[in-house]
Every structure is written in structure tokens, then in C-alpha cells.
């Protein structure tokens, strides 16, 4: 199954995906994101929230396996987002 979602929060340990169709807690997923899907990581859903549960619907995923190249790409994405937010303020 393919789920399209927006990254709401990203760290080296995992991410929050905003989606109206979150997977159940414990579900496994292969994530691909970044420029040209530069990051591929295996992750596990640690929590999920549907509309009306006090916050945007989505799910929190914890990375289980991420190679060093993907970790570096994640770090670049995080740094780019920080720079973009500072410039916007």
C-alpha cells in the first residue's frame, strides 16, 4: 500500500507524518522522501491520531534501519528546514 503524506516533523530518530489515513500502531513501513527519494528508511508506527483527537491527524514513526548515507540526507533536510524558517522570520 502506498500512503502519501506530509512530513510534519523530522528528526534523526523518526518523523511525524500528517495524513488522514494513519496506519495502526506497530505497523511497519518503508519510507522514501527527500529530493528524488534520497532517503529510504524502514520504520515502525509508534502512535497514530485520527481527526478530532486533539491535533492534526497522522502518525509518529520511529526509524528502525537507516544507512549512513540516508542519515546524512536527513541531517541536510533538517538543516535546510531550520535555515528556511530562520530566513522567513
PDB file of N, CA and C in Angstrom:
ATOM      1  N   UNK A   1       0.844  -1.167   0.000  1.00  0.00           N
ATOM      2  CA  UNK A   1       0.000   0.000   0.000  1.00  0.00           C
ATOM      3  C   UNK A   1       0.894   1.237   0.000  1.00  0.00           C
ATOM      4  N   UNK A   2       0.532   2.200  -0.784  1.00  0.00           N
ATOM      5  CA  UNK A   2       1.241   3.470  -0.815  1.00  0.00           C
ATOM      6  C   UNK A   2       0.381   4.523  -0.129  1.00  0.00           C
ATOM      7  N   UNK A   3       0.978   5.249   0.811  1.00  0.00           N
ATOM      8  CA  UNK A   3       0.293   6.332   1.515  1.00  0.00           C
ATOM      9  C   UNK A   3       1.068   7.608   1.221  1.00  0.00           C
ATOM     10  N   UNK A   4       0.371   8.605   0.730  1.00  0.00           N
ATOM     11  CA  UNK A   4       1.001   9.899   0.503  1.00  0.00           C
ATOM     12  C   UNK A   4       0.703  10.769   1.705  1.00  0.00           C
ATOM     13  N   UNK A   5       1.736  11.400   2.239  1.00  0.00           N
ATOM     14  CA  UNK A   5       1.585  12.188   3.454  1.00  0.00           C
ATOM     15  C   UNK A   5       2.581  13.336   3.441  1.00  0.00           C
ATOM     16  N   UNK A   6       2.371  14.249   4.358  1.00  0.00           N
ATOM     17  CA  UNK A   6       3.265  15.394   4.527  1.00  0.00           C
ATOM     18  C   UNK A   6       4.060  15.207   5.790  1.00  0.00           C
ATOM     19  N   UNK A   7       5.356  15.467   5.721  1.00  0.00           N
ATOM     20  CA  UNK A   7       6.174  15.385   6.928  1.00  0.00           C
ATOM     21  C   UNK A   7       5.880  16.608   7.784  1.00  0.00           C
ATOM     22  N   UNK A   8       5.431  16.364   9.004  1.00  0.00           N
ATOM     23  CA  UNK A   8       5.120  17.455   9.926  1.00  0.00           C
ATOM     24  C   UNK A   8       6.267  17.751  10.876  1.00  0.00           C
ATOM     25  N   UNK A   9       7.137  16.767  11.090  1.00  0.00           N
ATOM     26  CA  UNK A   9       8.260  16.914  12.000  1.00  0.00           C
ATOM     27  C   UNK A   9       9.257  15.822  11.648  1.00  0.00           C
ATOM     28  N   UNK A  10      10.534  16.147  11.620  1.00  0.00           N
ATOM     29  CA  UNK A  10      11.559  15.183  11.231  1.00  0.00           C
ATOM     30  C   UNK A  10      12.744  15.287  12.165  1.00  0.00           C
ATOM     31  N   UNK A  11      13.243  14.148  12.612  1.00  0.00           N
ATOM     32  CA  UNK A  11      14.470  14.097  13.400  1.00  0.00           C
ATOM     33  C   UNK A  11      15.278  12.897  12.912  1.00  0.00           C
ATOM     34  N   UNK A  12      16.463  12.728  13.447  1.00  0.00           N
ATOM     35  CA  UNK A  12      17.272  11.582  13.058  1.00  0.00           C
ATOM     36  C   UNK A  12      16.670  10.269  13.547  1.00  0.00           C
ATOM     37  N   UNK A  13      15.774  10.342  14.528  1.00  0.00           N
ATOM     38  CA  UNK A  13      15.179   9.127  15.088  1.00  0.00           C
ATOM     39  C   UNK A  13      13.848   8.732  14.481  1.00  0.00           C
ATOM     40  N   UNK A  14      13.200   9.663  13.781  1.00  0.00           N
ATOM     41  CA  UNK A  14      11.899   9.349  13.211  1.00  0.00           C
ATOM     42  C   UNK A  14      11.209  10.589  12.692  1.00  0.00           C
ATOM     43  N   UNK A  15       9.905  10.451  12.469  1.00  0.00           N
ATOM     44  CA  UNK A  15       9.156  11.590  11.935  1.00  0.00           C
ATOM     45  C   UNK A  15       7.662  11.475  12.238  1.00  0.00           C
ATOM     46  N   UNK A  16       6.986  12.607  12.085  1.00  0.00           N
ATOM     47  CA  UNK A  16       5.529  12.655  12.171  1.00  0.00           C
ATOM     48  C   UNK A  16       5.024  12.874  10.757  1.00  0.00           C
ATOM     49  N   UNK A  17       4.123  12.017  10.320  1.00  0.00           N
ATOM     50  CA  UNK A  17       3.506  12.173   9.004  1.00  0.00           C
ATOM     51  C   UNK A  17       2.074  12.632   9.178  1.00  0.00           C
ATOM     52  N   UNK A  18       1.751  13.768   8.589  1.00  0.00           N
ATOM     53  CA  UNK A  18       0.366  14.246   8.567  1.00  0.00           C
ATOM     54  C   UNK A  18      -0.359  13.519   7.454  1.00  0.00           C
ATOM     55  N   UNK A  19      -1.378  12.764   7.815  1.00  0.00           N
ATOM     56  CA  UNK A  19      -2.167  12.035   6.835  1.00  0.00           C
ATOM     57  C   UNK A  19      -3.541  11.725   7.421  1.00  0.00           C
ATOM     58  N   UNK A  20      -4.544  11.715   6.575  1.00  0.00           N
ATOM     59  CA  UNK A  20      -5.893  11.380   7.035  1.00  0.00           C
ATOM     60  C   UNK A  20      -6.078   9.865   7.121  1.00  0.00           C
ATOM     61  N   UNK A  21      -5.071   9.103   6.699  1.00  0.00           N
ATOM     62  CA  UNK A  21      -5.167   7.639   6.734  1.00  0.00           C
ATOM     63  C   UNK A  21      -3.974   7.033   7.473  1.00  0.00           C
ATOM     64  N   UNK A  22      -3.847   7.316   8.789  1.00  0.00           N
ATOM     65  CA  UNK A  22      -2.699   6.771   9.519  1.00  0.00           C
ATOM     66  C   UNK A  22      -2.792   5.247   9.651  1.00  0.00           C
ATOM     67  N   UNK A  23      -1.632   4.624   9.683  1.00  0.00           N
ATOM     68  CA  UNK A  23      -1.562   3.179   9.905  1.00  0.00           C
ATOM     69  C   UNK A  23      -1.706   2.889  11.391  1.00  0.00           C
ATOM     70  N   UNK A  24      -1.997   1.651  11.728  1.00  0.00           N
ATOM     71  CA  UNK A  24      -2.151   1.263  13.130  1.00  0.00           C
ATOM     72  C   UNK A  24      -0.801   1.190  13.825  1.00  0.00           C
ATOM     73  N   UNK A  25      -0.814   1.406  15.126  1.00  0.00           N
ATOM     74  CA  UNK A  25       0.390   1.300  15.946  1.00  0.00           C
ATOM     75  C   UNK A  25       1.006  -0.083  15.746  1.00  0.00           C
ATOM     76  N   UNK A  26       2.319  -0.111  15.585  1.00  0.00           N
ATOM     77  CA  UNK A  26       3.030  -1.365  15.381  1.00  0.00           C
ATOM     78  C   UNK A  26       3.240  -1.723  13.914  1.00  0.00           C
ATOM     79  N   UNK A  27       2.526  -1.046  13.011  1.00  0.00           N
ATOM     80  CA  UNK A  27       2.690  -1.316  11.579  1.00  0.00           C
ATOM     81  C   UNK A  27       4.102  -0.960  11.137  1.00  0.00           C
ATOM     82  N   UNK A  28       4.604  -1.708  10.188  1.00  0.00           N
ATOM     83  CA  UNK A  28       5.934  -1.445   9.614  1.00  0.00           C
ATOM     84  C   UNK A  28       5.756  -0.715   8.295  1.00  0.00           C
ATOM     85  N   UNK A  29       6.723   0.123   7.960  1.00  0.00           N
ATOM     86  CA  UNK A  29       6.642   0.888   6.718  1.00  0.00           C
ATOM     87  C   UNK A  29       8.039   1.107   6.149  1.00  0.00           C
ATOM     88  N   UNK A  30       8.094   1.248   4.846  1.00  0.00           N
ATOM     89  CA  UNK A  30       9.314   1.682   4.171  1.00  0.00           C
ATOM     90  C   UNK A  30       9.028   3.101   3.702  1.00  0.00           C
ATOM     91  N   UNK A  31       9.839   4.030   4.156  1.00  0.00           N
ATOM     92  CA  UNK A  31       9.638   5.442   3.834  1.00  0.00           C
ATOM     93  C   UNK A  31      10.644   5.878   2.776  1.00  0.00           C
ATOM     94  N   UNK A  32      10.166   6.662   1.843  1.00  0.00           N
ATOM     95  CA  UNK A  32      11.029   7.271   0.829  1.00  0.00           C
ATOM     96  C   UNK A  32      10.675   8.749   0.770  1.00  0.00           C
ATOM     97  N   UNK A  33      11.667   9.604   0.991  1.00  0.00           N
ATOM     98  CA  UNK A  33      11.404  11.041   0.959  1.00  0.00           C
ATOM     99  C   UNK A  33      12.681  11.792   0.656  1.00  0.00           C
ATOM    100  N   UNK A  34      12.522  13.084   0.456  1.00  0.00           N
ATOM    101  CA  UNK A  34      13.650  13.937   0.112  1.00  0.00           C
ATOM    102  C   UNK A  34      13.740  14.098  -1.394  1.00  0.00           C
ATOM    103  N   UNK A  35      14.699  14.871  -1.825  1.00  0.00           N
ATOM    104  CA  UNK A  35      14.904  15.102  -3.256  1.00  0.00           C
ATOM    105  C   UNK A  35      15.162  13.776  -3.951  1.00  0.00           C
ATOM    106  N   UNK A  36      14.347  13.482  -4.937  1.00  0.00           N
ATOM    107  CA  UNK A  36      14.466  12.227  -5.686  1.00  0.00           C
ATOM    108  C   UNK A  36      14.460  11.010  -4.766  1.00  0.00           C
ATOM    109  N   UNK A  37      13.674  11.069  -3.683  1.00  0.00           N
ATOM    110  CA  UNK A  37      13.575   9.967  -2.709  1.00  0.00           C
ATOM    111  C   UNK A  37      14.964   9.546  -2.224  1.00  0.00           C
ATOM    112  N   UNK A  38      15.792  10.532  -1.874  1.00  0.00           N
ATOM    113  CA  UNK A  38      17.167  10.284  -1.436  1.00  0.00           C
ATOM    114  C   UNK A  38      17.229   9.452  -0.159  1.00  0.00           C
ATOM    115  N   UNK A  39      16.186   9.525   0.654  1.00  0.00           N
ATOM    116  CA  UNK A  39      16.165   8.776   1.908  1.00  0.00           C
ATOM    117  C   UNK A  39      15.213   7.605   1.775  1.00  0.00           C
ATOM    118  N   UNK A  40      15.719   6.433   2.115  1.00  0.00           N
ATOM    119  CA  UNK A  40      14.861   5.259   2.244  1.00  0.00           C
ATOM    120  C   UNK A  40      15.148   4.681   3.618  1.00  0.00           C
ATOM    121  N   UNK A  41      14.107   4.516   4.410  1.00  0.00           N
ATOM    122  CA  UNK A  41      14.278   4.021   5.769  1.00  0.00           C
ATOM    123  C   UNK A  41      13.131   3.087   6.138  1.00  0.00           C
ATOM    124  N   UNK A  42      13.453   2.077   6.919  1.00  0.00           N
ATOM    125  CA  UNK A  42      12.433   1.190   7.469  1.00  0.00           C
ATOM    126  C   UNK A  42      12.031   1.771   8.817  1.00  0.00           C
ATOM    127  N   UNK A  43      10.726   1.807   9.061  1.00  0.00           N
ATOM    128  CA  UNK A  43      10.227   2.437  10.283  1.00  0.00           C
ATOM    129  C   UNK A  43       9.046   1.663  10.831  1.00  0.00           C
ATOM    130  N   UNK A  44       8.709   1.982  12.085  1.00  0.00           N
ATOM    131  CA  UNK A  44       7.580   1.358  12.779  1.00  0.00           C
ATOM    132  C   UNK A  44       6.690   2.466  13.332  1.00  0.00           C
ATOM    133  N   UNK A  45       5.375   2.303  13.187  1.00  0.00           N
ATOM    134  CA  UNK A  45       4.423   3.279  13.722  1.00  0.00           C
ATOM    135  C   UNK A  45       4.384   3.118  15.248  1.00  0.00           C
ATOM    136  N   UNK A  46       4.701   4.195  15.964  1.00  0.00           N
ATOM    137  CA  UNK A  46       4.686   4.144  17.425  1.00  0.00           C
ATOM    138  C   UNK A  46       3.427   4.790  17.999  1.00  0.00           C
ATOM    139  N   UNK A  47       2.763   5.631  17.218  1.00  0.00           N
ATOM    140  CA  UNK A  47       1.461   6.172  17.621  1.00  0.00           C
ATOM    141  C   UNK A  47       0.751   6.717  16.393  1.00  0.00           C
ATOM    142  N   UNK A  48      -0.581   6.787  16.497  1.00  0.00           N
ATOM    143  CA  UNK A  48      -1.362   7.378  15.401  1.00  0.00           C
ATOM    144  C   UNK A  48      -2.523   8.159  15.982  1.00  0.00           C
ATOM    145  N   UNK A  49      -2.999   9.123  15.194  1.00  0.00           N
ATOM    146  CA  UNK A  49      -4.079  10.008  15.640  1.00  0.00           C
ATOM    147  C   UNK A  49      -4.986  10.281  14.455  1.00  0.00           C
ATOM    148  N   UNK A  50      -6.286  10.155  14.686  1.00  0.00           N
ATOM    149  CA  UNK A  50      -7.260  10.467  13.645  1.00  0.00           C
ATOM    150  C   UNK A  50      -7.861  11.840  13.911  1.00  0.00           C
ATOM    151  N   UNK A  51      -8.576  12.366  12.920  1.00  0.00           N
ATOM    152  CA  UNK A  51      -9.224  13.675  13.032  1.00  0.00           C
ATOM    153  C   UNK A  51     -10.062  13.736  14.309  1.00  0.00           C
ATOM    154  N   UNK A  52      -9.958  14.847  15.040  1.00  0.00           N
ATOM    155  CA  UNK A  52     -10.762  15.051  16.238  1.00  0.00           C
ATOM    156  C   UNK A  52     -10.125  14.551  17.522  1.00  0.00           C
ATOM    157  N   UNK A  53      -8.887  14.077  17.472  1.00  0.00           N
ATOM    158  CA  UNK A  53      -8.223  13.578  18.675  1.00  0.00           C
ATOM    159  C   UNK A  53      -7.221  14.579  19.245  1.00  0.00           C
ATOM    160  N   UNK A  54      -7.424  15.845  18.981  1.00  0.00           N
ATOM    161  CA  UNK A  54      -6.560  16.863  19.571  1.00  0.00           C
ATOM    162  C   UNK A  54      -5.241  17.053  18.855  1.00  0.00           C
ATOM    163  N   UNK A  55      -5.301  17.453  17.643  1.00  0.00           N
ATOM    164  CA  UNK A  55      -4.103  17.701  16.846  1.00  0.00           C
ATOM    165  C   UNK A  55      -4.345  17.201  15.442  1.00  0.00           C
ATOM    166  N   UNK A  56      -3.433  17.507  14.566  1.00  0.00           N
ATOM    167  CA  UNK A  56      -3.639  17.058  13.183  1.00  0.00           C
ATOM    168  C   UNK A  56      -3.580  15.534  13.089  1.00  0.00           C
ATOM    169  N   UNK A  57      -4.370  14.950  12.196  1.00  0.00           N
ATOM    170  CA  UNK A  57      -4.320  13.500  12.040  1.00  0.00           C
ATOM    171  C   UNK A  57      -2.986  13.082  11.439  1.00  0.00           C
ATOM    172  N   UNK A  58      -2.527  11.925  11.827  1.00  0.00           N
ATOM    173  CA  UNK A  58      -1.271  11.420  11.299  1.00  0.00           C
ATOM    174  C   UNK A  58      -0.709  10.328  12.175  1.00  0.00           C
ATOM    175  N   UNK A  59       0.594  10.114  12.031  1.00  0.00           N
ATOM    176  CA  UNK A  59       1.242   9.043  12.790  1.00  0.00           C
ATOM    177  C   UNK A  59       2.700   9.377  13.043  1.00  0.00           C
ATOM    178  N   UNK A  60       3.185   8.908  14.184  1.00  0.00           N
ATOM    179  CA  UNK A  60       4.587   9.038  14.536  1.00  0.00           C
ATOM    180  C   UNK A  60       5.299   7.737  14.206  1.00  0.00           C
ATOM    181  N   UNK A  61       6.371   7.830  13.459  1.00  0.00           N
ATOM    182  CA  UNK A  61       7.139   6.648  13.075  1.00  0.00           C
ATOM    183  C   UNK A  61       8.559   6.746  13.611  1.00  0.00           C
ATOM    184  N   UNK A  62       9.071   5.632  14.083  1.00  0.00           N
ATOM    185  CA  UNK A  62      10.447   5.547  14.560  1.00  0.00           C
ATOM    186  C   UNK A  62      11.260   4.783  13.524  1.00  0.00           C
ATOM    187  N   UNK A  63      12.392   5.356  13.123  1.00  0.00           N
ATOM    188  CA  UNK A  63      13.245   4.667  12.165  1.00  0.00           C
ATOM    189  C   UNK A  63      13.834   3.424  12.818  1.00  0.00           C
ATOM    190  N   UNK A  64      13.814   2.316  12.089  1.00  0.00           N
ATOM    191  CA  UNK A  64      14.428   1.086  12.584  1.00  0.00           C
ATOM    192  C   UNK A  64      15.769   0.833  11.911  1.00  0.00           C
ATOM    193  N   UNK A  65      15.826   1.040  10.610  1.00  0.00           N
ATOM    194  CA  UNK A  65      17.102   0.890   9.897  1.00  0.00           C
ATOM    195  C   UNK A  65      17.262   2.060   8.936  1.00  0.00           C
ATOM    196  N   UNK A  66      18.382   2.738   9.088  1.00  0.00           N
ATOM    197  CA  UNK A  66      18.727   3.861   8.228  1.00  0.00           C
ATOM    198  C   UNK A  66      20.229   3.780   7.995  1.00  0.00           C
ATOM    199  N   UNK A  67      20.654   3.693   6.737  1.00  0.00           N
ATOM    200  CA  UNK A  67      22.093   3.625   6.489  1.00  0.00           C
ATOM    201  C   UNK A  67      22.711   5.021   6.640  1.00  0.00           C
ATOM    202  N   UNK A  68      24.023   5.068   6.667  1.00  0.00           N
ATOM    203  CA  UNK A  68      24.723   6.330   6.929  1.00  0.00           C
ATOM    204  C   UNK A  68      24.454   7.386   5.853  1.00  0.00           C
ATOM    205  N   UNK A  69      24.313   6.971   4.609  1.00  0.00           N
ATOM    206  CA  UNK A  69      24.003   7.914   3.532  1.00  0.00           C
ATOM    207  C   UNK A  69      22.640   8.557   3.764  1.00  0.00           C
ATOM    208  N   UNK A  70      21.653   7.751   4.169  1.00  0.00           N
ATOM    209  CA  UNK A  70      20.314   8.280   4.448  1.00  0.00           C
ATOM    210  C   UNK A  70      20.340   9.200   5.670  1.00  0.00           C
ATOM    211  N   UNK A  71      21.116   8.838   6.699  1.00  0.00           N
ATOM    212  CA  UNK A  71      21.218   9.697   7.890  1.00  0.00           C
ATOM    213  C   UNK A  71      21.769  11.069   7.515  1.00  0.00           C
ATOM    214  N   UNK A  72      22.773  11.083   6.646  1.00  0.00           N
ATOM    215  CA  UNK A  72      23.351  12.357   6.217  1.00  0.00           C
ATOM    216  C   UNK A  72      22.324  13.169   5.430  1.00  0.00           C
ATOM    217  N   UNK A  73      21.535  12.515   4.589  1.00  0.00           N
ATOM    218  CA  UNK A  73      20.484  13.211   3.838  1.00  0.00           C
ATOM    219  C   UNK A  73      19.440  13.782   4.799  1.00  0.00           C
ATOM    220  N   UNK A  74      19.088  13.045   5.841  1.00  0.00           N
ATOM    221  CA  UNK A  74      18.132  13.533   6.842  1.00  0.00           C
ATOM    222  C   UNK A  74      18.697  14.775   7.524  1.00  0.00           C
ATOM    223  N   UNK A  75      19.959  14.725   7.898  1.00  0.00           N
ATOM    224  CA  UNK A  75      20.601  15.886   8.539  1.00  0.00           C
ATOM    225  C   UNK A  75      20.550  17.111   7.622  1.00  0.00           C
ATOM    226  N   UNK A  76      20.798  16.910   6.326  1.00  0.00           N
ATOM    227  CA  UNK A  76      20.742  18.040   5.370  1.00  0.00           C
ATOM    228  C   UNK A  76      19.322  18.602   5.274  1.00  0.00           C
ATOM    229  N   UNK A  77      18.315  17.727   5.238  1.00  0.00           N
ATOM    230  CA  UNK A  77      16.922  18.186   5.168  1.00  0.00           C
ATOM    231  C   UNK A  77      16.586  19.008   6.410  1.00  0.00           C
ATOM    232  N   UNK A  78      16.974  18.509   7.583  1.00  0.00           N
ATOM    233  CA  UNK A  78      16.698  19.224   8.837  1.00  0.00           C
ATOM    234  C   UNK A  78      17.379  20.588   8.824  1.00  0.00           C
ATOM    235  N   UNK A  79      18.642  20.639   8.418  1.00  0.00           N
ATOM    236  CA  UNK A  79      19.378  21.902   8.384  1.00  0.00           C
ATOM    237  C   UNK A  79      18.753  22.881   7.397  1.00  0.00           C
ATOM    238  N   UNK A  80      18.326  22.397   6.239  1.00  0.00           N
ATOM    239  CA  UNK A  80      17.673  23.247   5.246  1.00  0.00           C
ATOM    240  C   UNK A  80      16.382  23.826   5.805  1.00  0.00           C
ATOM    241  N   UNK A  81      15.610  23.011   6.508  1.00  0.00           N
ATOM    242  CA  UNK A  81      14.353  23.492   7.105  1.00  0.00           C
ATOM    243  C   UNK A  81      14.627  24.549   8.170  1.00  0.00           C
ATOM    244  N   UNK A  82      15.632  24.331   8.997  1.00  0.00           N
ATOM    245  CA  UNK A  82      15.983  25.323  10.026  1.00  0.00           C
ATOM    246  C   UNK A  82      16.351  26.647   9.375  1.00  0.00           C
ATOM    247  N   UNK A  83      17.184  26.593   8.341  1.00  0.00           N
ATOM    248  CA  UNK A  83      17.622  27.799   7.642  1.00  0.00           C
ATOM    249  C   UNK A  83      16.439  28.519   7.008  1.00  0.00           C
ATOM    250  N   UNK A  84      15.538  27.769   6.404  1.00  0.00           N
ATOM    251  CA  UNK A  84      14.355  28.348   5.750  1.00  0.00           C
ATOM    252  C   UNK A  84      13.468  29.047   6.778  1.00  0.00           C
ATOM    253  N   UNK A  85      13.266  28.439   7.944  1.00  0.00           N
ATOM    254  CA  UNK A  85      12.418  29.034   8.985  1.00  0.00           C
ATOM    255  C   UNK A  85      13.033  30.300   9.548  1.00  0.00           C
ATOM    256  N   UNK A  86      14.347  30.303   9.762  1.00  0.00           N
ATOM    257  CA  UNK A  86      15.015  31.492  10.279  1.00  0.00           C
ATOM    258  C   UNK A  86      14.913  32.622   9.260  1.00  0.00           C
ATOM    259  N   UNK A  87      15.120  32.327   7.990  1.00  0.00           N
ATOM    260  CA  UNK A  87      15.049  33.353   6.951  1.00  0.00           C
ATOM    261  C   UNK A  87      13.639  33.933   6.819  1.00  0.00           C
ATOM    262  N   UNK A  88      12.612  33.113   7.084  1.00  0.00           N
ATOM    263  CA  UNK A  88      11.223  33.565   6.973  1.00  0.00           C
ATOM    264  C   UNK A  88      10.842  34.500   8.116  1.00  0.00           C
ATOM    265  N   UNK A  89      11.543  34.404   9.230  1.00  0.00           N
ATOM    266  CA  UNK A  89      11.222  35.251  10.390  1.00  0.00           C
ATOM    267  C   UNK A  89      11.989  36.503  10.276  1.00  0.00           C
TER     268      UNK A  89
END
